[in-house]
């Protein structure tokens, strides 16, 4: 079974107050400058990886969760909280 991000919900992603997404096999994120694309990527990285500070551009103050399918029989939930479980665990 392939591993993929299935769902995402987040608040305070820079210019994006609240977002809920369901991902498919291929996804395209586009928008105007300063519309929140980089915040979205930083949210994904900080939710999945312990060493996400290597990839961040600014101080991050967002909250939310990712649902990842394919790691276990049921989806696994990750969040950007540094104390939460990460993909390396």
PDB file of N, CA and C in Angstrom:
ATOM      1  N   UNK A   1       0.844  -1.183   0.000  1.00  0.00           N
ATOM      2  CA  UNK A   1       0.000   0.000   0.000  1.00  0.00           C
ATOM      3  C   UNK A   1       0.889   1.246   0.000  1.00  0.00           C
ATOM      4  N   UNK A   2       0.636   2.200  -0.877  1.00  0.00           N
ATOM      5  CA  UNK A   2       1.449   3.416  -0.910  1.00  0.00           C
ATOM      6  C   UNK A   2       1.171   4.314   0.295  1.00  0.00           C
ATOM      7  N   UNK A   3       2.190   5.045   0.689  1.00  0.00           N
ATOM      8  CA  UNK A   3       2.050   6.005   1.792  1.00  0.00           C
ATOM      9  C   UNK A   3       1.745   7.369   1.185  1.00  0.00           C
ATOM     10  N   UNK A   4       0.699   8.039   1.694  1.00  0.00           N
ATOM     11  CA  UNK A   4       0.362   9.362   1.189  1.00  0.00           C
ATOM     12  C   UNK A   4      -0.418  10.159   2.220  1.00  0.00           C
ATOM     13  N   UNK A   5      -0.271  11.468   2.147  1.00  0.00           N
ATOM     14  CA  UNK A   5      -1.069  12.356   2.983  1.00  0.00           C
ATOM     15  C   UNK A   5      -2.490  12.302   2.448  1.00  0.00           C
ATOM     16  N   UNK A   6      -3.422  12.013   3.328  1.00  0.00           N
ATOM     17  CA  UNK A   6      -4.804  11.828   2.926  1.00  0.00           C
ATOM     18  C   UNK A   6      -5.649  13.068   3.211  1.00  0.00           C
ATOM     19  N   UNK A   7      -5.506  13.637   4.420  1.00  0.00           N
ATOM     20  CA  UNK A   7      -6.293  14.806   4.816  1.00  0.00           C
ATOM     21  C   UNK A   7      -5.417  15.775   5.588  1.00  0.00           C
ATOM     22  N   UNK A   8      -5.815  17.034   5.557  1.00  0.00           N
ATOM     23  CA  UNK A   8      -5.108  18.067   6.305  1.00  0.00           C
ATOM     24  C   UNK A   8      -6.118  19.083   6.807  1.00  0.00           C
ATOM     25  N   UNK A   9      -5.961  19.492   8.050  1.00  0.00           N
ATOM     26  CA  UNK A   9      -6.740  20.607   8.576  1.00  0.00           C
ATOM     27  C   UNK A   9      -5.776  21.469   9.377  1.00  0.00           C
ATOM     28  N   UNK A  10      -5.851  22.779   9.170  1.00  0.00           N
ATOM     29  CA  UNK A  10      -4.913  23.686   9.842  1.00  0.00           C
ATOM     30  C   UNK A  10      -5.549  25.056  10.020  1.00  0.00           C
ATOM     31  N   UNK A  11      -5.020  25.794  10.996  1.00  0.00           N
ATOM     32  CA  UNK A  11      -5.420  27.180  11.237  1.00  0.00           C
ATOM     33  C   UNK A  11      -4.162  28.028  11.346  1.00  0.00           C
ATOM     34  N   UNK A  12      -4.311  29.297  11.016  1.00  0.00           N
ATOM     35  CA  UNK A  12      -3.228  30.282  11.131  1.00  0.00           C
ATOM     36  C   UNK A  12      -2.036  29.991  10.226  1.00  0.00           C
ATOM     37  N   UNK A  13      -2.288  29.651   8.983  1.00  0.00           N
ATOM     38  CA  UNK A  13      -1.206  29.458   8.011  1.00  0.00           C
ATOM     39  C   UNK A  13      -0.950  30.787   7.305  1.00  0.00           C
ATOM     40  N   UNK A  14      -0.390  31.722   8.016  1.00  0.00           N
ATOM     41  CA  UNK A  14      -0.131  33.034   7.432  1.00  0.00           C
ATOM     42  C   UNK A  14      -1.422  33.674   6.970  1.00  0.00           C
ATOM     43  N   UNK A  15      -1.559  33.953   5.688  1.00  0.00           N
ATOM     44  CA  UNK A  15      -2.779  34.585   5.186  1.00  0.00           C
ATOM     45  C   UNK A  15      -3.990  33.651   5.149  1.00  0.00           C
ATOM     46  N   UNK A  16      -3.787  32.359   5.379  1.00  0.00           N
ATOM     47  CA  UNK A  16      -4.887  31.395   5.383  1.00  0.00           C
ATOM     48  C   UNK A  16      -5.344  31.199   6.828  1.00  0.00           C
ATOM     49  N   UNK A  17      -6.542  31.669   7.145  1.00  0.00           N
ATOM     50  CA  UNK A  17      -7.048  31.541   8.512  1.00  0.00           C
ATOM     51  C   UNK A  17      -7.358  30.096   8.882  1.00  0.00           C
ATOM     52  N   UNK A  18      -8.045  29.388   7.979  1.00  0.00           N
ATOM     53  CA  UNK A  18      -8.447  28.007   8.240  1.00  0.00           C
ATOM     54  C   UNK A  18      -8.513  27.269   6.916  1.00  0.00           C
ATOM     55  N   UNK A  19      -8.027  26.011   6.924  1.00  0.00           N
ATOM     56  CA  UNK A  19      -8.043  25.223   5.695  1.00  0.00           C
ATOM     57  C   UNK A  19      -8.297  23.758   6.031  1.00  0.00           C
ATOM     58  N   UNK A  20      -9.110  23.106   5.220  1.00  0.00           N
ATOM     59  CA  UNK A  20      -9.369  21.675   5.304  1.00  0.00           C
ATOM     60  C   UNK A  20      -9.232  21.118   3.893  1.00  0.00           C
ATOM     61  N   UNK A  21      -8.324  20.158   3.724  1.00  0.00           N
ATOM     62  CA  UNK A  21      -8.072  19.587   2.404  1.00  0.00           C
ATOM     63  C   UNK A  21      -8.148  18.072   2.451  1.00  0.00           C
ATOM     64  N   UNK A  22      -8.606  17.481   1.359  1.00  0.00           N
ATOM     65  CA  UNK A  22      -8.499  16.048   1.140  1.00  0.00           C
ATOM     66  C   UNK A  22      -7.651  15.885  -0.114  1.00  0.00           C
ATOM     67  N   UNK A  23      -6.529  15.192   0.017  1.00  0.00           N
ATOM     68  CA  UNK A  23      -5.582  15.048  -1.071  1.00  0.00           C
ATOM     69  C   UNK A  23      -5.915  13.835  -1.932  1.00  0.00           C
ATOM     70  N   UNK A  24      -5.539  13.902  -3.207  1.00  0.00           N
ATOM     71  CA  UNK A  24      -5.647  12.761  -4.113  1.00  0.00           C
ATOM     72  C   UNK A  24      -4.232  12.272  -4.425  1.00  0.00           C
ATOM     73  N   UNK A  25      -4.078  11.421  -5.402  1.00  0.00           N
ATOM     74  CA  UNK A  25      -2.757  10.874  -5.714  1.00  0.00           C
ATOM     75  C   UNK A  25      -1.792  11.937  -6.234  1.00  0.00           C
ATOM     76  N   UNK A  26      -2.294  12.884  -7.008  1.00  0.00           N
ATOM     77  CA  UNK A  26      -1.475  13.981  -7.527  1.00  0.00           C
ATOM     78  C   UNK A  26      -2.184  15.283  -7.176  1.00  0.00           C
ATOM     79  N   UNK A  27      -1.432  16.240  -6.622  1.00  0.00           N
ATOM     80  CA  UNK A  27      -2.015  17.511  -6.193  1.00  0.00           C
ATOM     81  C   UNK A  27      -1.169  18.664  -6.699  1.00  0.00           C
ATOM     82  N   UNK A  28      -1.812  19.739  -7.033  1.00  0.00           N
ATOM     83  CA  UNK A  28      -1.138  20.949  -7.497  1.00  0.00           C
ATOM     84  C   UNK A  28      -1.593  22.102  -6.616  1.00  0.00           C
ATOM     85  N   UNK A  29      -0.622  22.810  -6.061  1.00  0.00           N
ATOM     86  CA  UNK A  29      -0.931  23.977  -5.241  1.00  0.00           C
ATOM     87  C   UNK A  29      -0.409  25.195  -5.985  1.00  0.00           C
ATOM     88  N   UNK A  30      -1.287  26.136  -6.255  1.00  0.00           N
ATOM     89  CA  UNK A  30      -0.883  27.344  -6.958  1.00  0.00           C
ATOM     90  C   UNK A  30      -1.651  28.529  -6.384  1.00  0.00           C
ATOM     91  N   UNK A  31      -1.134  29.710  -6.604  1.00  0.00           N
ATOM     92  CA  UNK A  31      -1.804  30.918  -6.137  1.00  0.00           C
ATOM     93  C   UNK A  31      -0.909  32.123  -6.322  1.00  0.00           C
ATOM     94  N   UNK A  32      -1.469  33.262  -6.023  1.00  0.00           N
ATOM     95  CA  UNK A  32      -0.723  34.513  -6.118  1.00  0.00           C
ATOM     96  C   UNK A  32       0.391  34.559  -5.085  1.00  0.00           C
ATOM     97  N   UNK A  33       1.340  35.462  -5.299  1.00  0.00           N
ATOM     98  CA  UNK A  33       2.380  35.680  -4.292  1.00  0.00           C
ATOM     99  C   UNK A  33       1.737  36.078  -2.975  1.00  0.00           C
ATOM    100  N   UNK A  34       2.349  35.642  -1.875  1.00  0.00           N
ATOM    101  CA  UNK A  34       1.880  35.960  -0.523  1.00  0.00           C
ATOM    102  C   UNK A  34       0.484  35.416  -0.230  1.00  0.00           C
ATOM    103  N   UNK A  35       0.090  34.312  -0.876  1.00  0.00           N
ATOM    104  CA  UNK A  35      -1.236  33.753  -0.630  1.00  0.00           C
ATOM    105  C   UNK A  35      -1.232  32.564   0.328  1.00  0.00           C
ATOM    106  N   UNK A  36      -0.031  32.091   0.767  1.00  0.00           N
ATOM    107  CA  UNK A  36       0.052  31.042   1.777  1.00  0.00           C
ATOM    108  C   UNK A  36       0.630  29.722   1.318  1.00  0.00           C
ATOM    109  N   UNK A  37       1.145  29.646   0.103  1.00  0.00           N
ATOM    110  CA  UNK A  37       1.690  28.379  -0.408  1.00  0.00           C
ATOM    111  C   UNK A  37       2.879  27.899   0.426  1.00  0.00           C
ATOM    112  N   UNK A  38       3.792  28.790   0.764  1.00  0.00           N
ATOM    113  CA  UNK A  38       4.968  28.394   1.547  1.00  0.00           C
ATOM    114  C   UNK A  38       4.574  28.002   2.962  1.00  0.00           C
ATOM    115  N   UNK A  39       3.604  28.681   3.551  1.00  0.00           N
ATOM    116  CA  UNK A  39       3.100  28.287   4.865  1.00  0.00           C
ATOM    117  C   UNK A  39       2.540  26.864   4.817  1.00  0.00           C
ATOM    118  N   UNK A  40       1.848  26.537   3.753  1.00  0.00           N
ATOM    119  CA  UNK A  40       1.293  25.199   3.583  1.00  0.00           C
ATOM    120  C   UNK A  40       2.409  24.150   3.562  1.00  0.00           C
ATOM    121  N   UNK A  41       3.463  24.404   2.803  1.00  0.00           N
ATOM    122  CA  UNK A  41       4.592  23.473   2.726  1.00  0.00           C
ATOM    123  C   UNK A  41       5.289  23.358   4.080  1.00  0.00           C
ATOM    124  N   UNK A  42       5.494  24.476   4.765  1.00  0.00           N
ATOM    125  CA  UNK A  42       6.136  24.450   6.081  1.00  0.00           C
ATOM    126  C   UNK A  42       5.286  23.697   7.097  1.00  0.00           C
ATOM    127  N   UNK A  43       3.976  23.806   6.992  1.00  0.00           N
ATOM    128  CA  UNK A  43       3.084  23.041   7.861  1.00  0.00           C
ATOM    129  C   UNK A  43       3.265  21.547   7.623  1.00  0.00           C
ATOM    130  N   UNK A  44       3.290  21.137   6.368  1.00  0.00           N
ATOM    131  CA  UNK A  44       3.483  19.726   6.035  1.00  0.00           C
ATOM    132  C   UNK A  44       4.814  19.207   6.575  1.00  0.00           C
ATOM    133  N   UNK A  45       5.886  19.940   6.349  1.00  0.00           N
ATOM    134  CA  UNK A  45       7.213  19.518   6.814  1.00  0.00           C
ATOM    135  C   UNK A  45       7.294  19.439   8.336  1.00  0.00           C
ATOM    136  N   UNK A  46       6.773  20.462   9.022  1.00  0.00           N
ATOM    137  CA  UNK A  46       6.865  20.471  10.483  1.00  0.00           C
ATOM    138  C   UNK A  46       5.956  19.415  11.108  1.00  0.00           C
ATOM    139  N   UNK A  47       4.903  19.011  10.427  1.00  0.00           N
ATOM    140  CA  UNK A  47       4.032  17.961  10.945  1.00  0.00           C
ATOM    141  C   UNK A  47       4.666  16.589  10.796  1.00  0.00           C
ATOM    142  N   UNK A  48       5.424  16.383   9.728  1.00  0.00           N
ATOM    143  CA  UNK A  48       5.947  15.055   9.426  1.00  0.00           C
ATOM    144  C   UNK A  48       7.349  14.783   9.967  1.00  0.00           C
ATOM    145  N   UNK A  49       8.207  15.804  10.069  1.00  0.00           N
ATOM    146  CA  UNK A  49       9.616  15.559  10.365  1.00  0.00           C
ATOM    147  C   UNK A  49      10.106  16.299  11.604  1.00  0.00           C
ATOM    148  N   UNK A  50      10.984  15.640  12.356  1.00  0.00           N
ATOM    149  CA  UNK A  50      11.561  16.233  13.570  1.00  0.00           C
ATOM    150  C   UNK A  50      12.469  17.408  13.245  1.00  0.00           C
ATOM    151  N   UNK A  51      13.271  17.303  12.220  1.00  0.00           N
ATOM    152  CA  UNK A  51      14.245  18.334  11.868  1.00  0.00           C
ATOM    153  C   UNK A  51      13.685  19.343  10.869  1.00  0.00           C
ATOM    154  N   UNK A  52      12.441  19.694  10.991  1.00  0.00           N
ATOM    155  CA  UNK A  52      11.803  20.597  10.031  1.00  0.00           C
ATOM    156  C   UNK A  52      12.338  22.020  10.112  1.00  0.00           C
ATOM    157  N   UNK A  53      12.995  22.381  11.211  1.00  0.00           N
ATOM    158  CA  UNK A  53      13.545  23.740  11.322  1.00  0.00           C
ATOM    159  C   UNK A  53      14.581  24.020  10.241  1.00  0.00           C
ATOM    160  N   UNK A  54      15.154  22.980   9.664  1.00  0.00           N
ATOM    161  CA  UNK A  54      16.104  23.158   8.567  1.00  0.00           C
ATOM    162  C   UNK A  54      15.422  23.721   7.326  1.00  0.00           C
ATOM    163  N   UNK A  55      14.106  23.527   7.224  1.00  0.00           N
ATOM    164  CA  UNK A  55      13.367  23.931   6.033  1.00  0.00           C
ATOM    165  C   UNK A  55      12.496  25.159   6.231  1.00  0.00           C
ATOM    166  N   UNK A  56      12.394  25.664   7.449  1.00  0.00           N
ATOM    167  CA  UNK A  56      11.479  26.777   7.707  1.00  0.00           C
ATOM    168  C   UNK A  56      12.117  28.112   7.369  1.00  0.00           C
ATOM    169  N   UNK A  57      11.286  29.019   6.919  1.00  0.00           N
ATOM    170  CA  UNK A  57      11.727  30.354   6.542  1.00  0.00           C
ATOM    171  C   UNK A  57      11.408  31.366   7.635  1.00  0.00           C
ATOM    172  N   UNK A  58      10.311  31.165   8.343  1.00  0.00           N
ATOM    173  CA  UNK A  58       9.862  32.127   9.348  1.00  0.00           C
ATOM    174  C   UNK A  58       9.386  31.399  10.602  1.00  0.00           C
ATOM    175  N   UNK A  59       9.152  32.159  11.665  1.00  0.00           N
ATOM    176  CA  UNK A  59       8.641  31.603  12.916  1.00  0.00           C
ATOM    177  C   UNK A  59       7.210  31.121  12.686  1.00  0.00           C
ATOM    178  N   UNK A  60       6.950  29.874  13.000  1.00  0.00           N
ATOM    179  CA  UNK A  60       5.657  29.278  12.687  1.00  0.00           C
ATOM    180  C   UNK A  60       4.757  29.242  13.916  1.00  0.00           C
ATOM    181  N   UNK A  61       3.530  29.690  13.767  1.00  0.00           N
ATOM    182  CA  UNK A  61       2.574  29.745  14.866  1.00  0.00           C
ATOM    183  C   UNK A  61       1.262  29.056  14.502  1.00  0.00           C
ATOM    184  N   UNK A  62       1.288  28.032  13.676  1.00  0.00           N
ATOM    185  CA  UNK A  62       0.047  27.409  13.248  1.00  0.00           C
ATOM    186  C   UNK A  62      -0.244  26.140  14.029  1.00  0.00           C
ATOM    187  N   UNK A  63      -1.462  25.639  13.834  1.00  0.00           N
ATOM    188  CA  UNK A  63      -1.914  24.451  14.529  1.00  0.00           C
ATOM    189  C   UNK A  63      -2.779  23.631  13.573  1.00  0.00           C
ATOM    190  N   UNK A  64      -2.819  22.327  13.762  1.00  0.00           N
ATOM    191  CA  UNK A  64      -3.643  21.484  12.924  1.00  0.00           C
ATOM    192  C   UNK A  64      -3.139  20.057  12.930  1.00  0.00           C
ATOM    193  N   UNK A  65      -3.555  19.292  11.910  1.00  0.00           N
ATOM    194  CA  UNK A  65      -3.116  17.907  11.833  1.00  0.00           C
ATOM    195  C   UNK A  65      -3.157  17.386  10.404  1.00  0.00           C
ATOM    196  N   UNK A  66      -2.347  16.348  10.180  1.00  0.00           N
ATOM    197  CA  UNK A  66      -2.310  15.624   8.909  1.00  0.00           C
ATOM    198  C   UNK A  66      -2.732  14.192   9.169  1.00  0.00           C
ATOM    199  N   UNK A  67      -3.427  13.612   8.225  1.00  0.00           N
ATOM    200  CA  UNK A  67      -3.779  12.205   8.289  1.00  0.00           C
ATOM    201  C   UNK A  67      -3.035  11.503   7.156  1.00  0.00           C
ATOM    202  N   UNK A  68      -2.187  10.539   7.513  1.00  0.00           N
ATOM    203  CA  UNK A  68      -1.363   9.835   6.535  1.00  0.00           C
ATOM    204  C   UNK A  68      -1.811   8.378   6.463  1.00  0.00           C
ATOM    205  N   UNK A  69      -2.118   7.928   5.259  1.00  0.00           N
ATOM    206  CA  UNK A  69      -2.541   6.546   5.037  1.00  0.00           C
ATOM    207  C   UNK A  69      -1.364   5.721   4.522  1.00  0.00           C
ATOM    208  N   UNK A  70      -1.383   4.422   4.815  1.00  0.00           N
ATOM    209  CA  UNK A  70      -0.387   3.509   4.282  1.00  0.00           C
ATOM    210  C   UNK A  70       0.719   3.143   5.245  1.00  0.00           C
ATOM    211  N   UNK A  71       0.774   3.761   6.410  1.00  0.00           N
ATOM    212  CA  UNK A  71       1.805   3.414   7.396  1.00  0.00           C
ATOM    213  C   UNK A  71       1.357   2.243   8.268  1.00  0.00           C
ATOM    214  N   UNK A  72       0.090   2.207   8.601  1.00  0.00           N
ATOM    215  CA  UNK A  72      -0.530   1.143   9.395  1.00  0.00           C
ATOM    216  C   UNK A  72      -1.828   0.744   8.707  1.00  0.00           C
ATOM    217  N   UNK A  73      -2.570  -0.136   9.333  1.00  0.00           N
ATOM    218  CA  UNK A  73      -3.868  -0.523   8.781  1.00  0.00           C
ATOM    219  C   UNK A  73      -4.840   0.647   8.766  1.00  0.00           C
ATOM    220  N   UNK A  74      -4.739   1.511   9.768  1.00  0.00           N
ATOM    221  CA  UNK A  74      -5.592   2.701   9.805  1.00  0.00           C
ATOM    222  C   UNK A  74      -4.706   3.942   9.655  1.00  0.00           C
ATOM    223  N   UNK A  75      -5.263   5.066   9.209  1.00  0.00           N
ATOM    224  CA  UNK A  75      -4.470   6.284   9.027  1.00  0.00           C
ATOM    225  C   UNK A  75      -3.814   6.755  10.332  1.00  0.00           C
ATOM    226  N   UNK A  76      -2.646   7.364  10.207  1.00  0.00           N
ATOM    227  CA  UNK A  76      -1.893   7.895  11.345  1.00  0.00           C
ATOM    228  C   UNK A  76      -1.983   9.419  11.295  1.00  0.00           C
ATOM    229  N   UNK A  77      -2.189  10.038  12.461  1.00  0.00           N
ATOM    230  CA  UNK A  77      -2.346  11.489  12.543  1.00  0.00           C
ATOM    231  C   UNK A  77      -1.053  12.113  13.061  1.00  0.00           C
ATOM    232  N   UNK A  78      -0.598  13.163  12.383  1.00  0.00           N
ATOM    233  CA  UNK A  78       0.589  13.923  12.771  1.00  0.00           C
ATOM    234  C   UNK A  78       0.201  15.381  12.951  1.00  0.00           C
ATOM    235  N   UNK A  79       0.963  16.099  13.770  1.00  0.00           N
ATOM    236  CA  UNK A  79       0.717  17.535  13.940  1.00  0.00           C
ATOM    237  C   UNK A  79       2.051  18.273  14.010  1.00  0.00           C
ATOM    238  N   UNK A  80       2.029  19.603  13.819  1.00  0.00           N
ATOM    239  CA  UNK A  80       3.280  20.367  13.853  1.00  0.00           C
ATOM    240  C   UNK A  80       3.851  20.562  15.258  1.00  0.00           C
ATOM    241  N   UNK A  81       3.136  20.154  16.280  1.00  0.00           N
ATOM    242  CA  UNK A  81       3.630  20.267  17.651  1.00  0.00           C
ATOM    243  C   UNK A  81       4.944  19.492  17.772  1.00  0.00           C
ATOM    244  N   UNK A  82       6.027  20.148  18.225  1.00  0.00           N
ATOM    245  CA  UNK A  82       7.331  19.471  18.289  1.00  0.00           C
ATOM    246  C   UNK A  82       7.337  18.228  19.177  1.00  0.00           C
ATOM    247  N   UNK A  83       6.413  18.133  20.122  1.00  0.00           N
ATOM    248  CA  UNK A  83       6.374  16.976  21.044  1.00  0.00           C
ATOM    249  C   UNK A  83       5.508  15.847  20.508  1.00  0.00           C
ATOM    250  N   UNK A  84       4.818  16.057  19.394  1.00  0.00           N
ATOM    251  CA  UNK A  84       3.956  15.006  18.837  1.00  0.00           C
ATOM    252  C   UNK A  84       4.783  13.999  18.031  1.00  0.00           C
ATOM    253  N   UNK A  85       4.177  12.857  17.767  1.00  0.00           N
ATOM    254  CA  UNK A  85       4.826  11.799  16.997  1.00  0.00           C
ATOM    255  C   UNK A  85       5.129  12.300  15.585  1.00  0.00           C
ATOM    256  N   UNK A  86       6.297  11.900  15.069  1.00  0.00           N
ATOM    257  CA  UNK A  86       6.716  12.278  13.713  1.00  0.00           C
ATOM    258  C   UNK A  86       6.947  11.028  12.877  1.00  0.00           C
ATOM    259  N   UNK A  87       7.129  11.222  11.604  1.00  0.00           N
ATOM    260  CA  UNK A  87       7.289  10.109  10.667  1.00  0.00           C
ATOM    261  C   UNK A  87       8.483   9.232  11.045  1.00  0.00           C
ATOM    262  N   UNK A  88       9.554   9.815  11.554  1.00  0.00           N
ATOM    263  CA  UNK A  88      10.742   9.034  11.931  1.00  0.00           C
ATOM    264  C   UNK A  88      10.469   8.078  13.078  1.00  0.00           C
ATOM    265  N   UNK A  89       9.459   8.381  13.886  1.00  0.00           N
ATOM    266  CA  UNK A  89       9.144   7.529  15.039  1.00  0.00           C
ATOM    267  C   UNK A  89       8.512   6.237  14.557  1.00  0.00           C
TER     268      UNK A  89
END
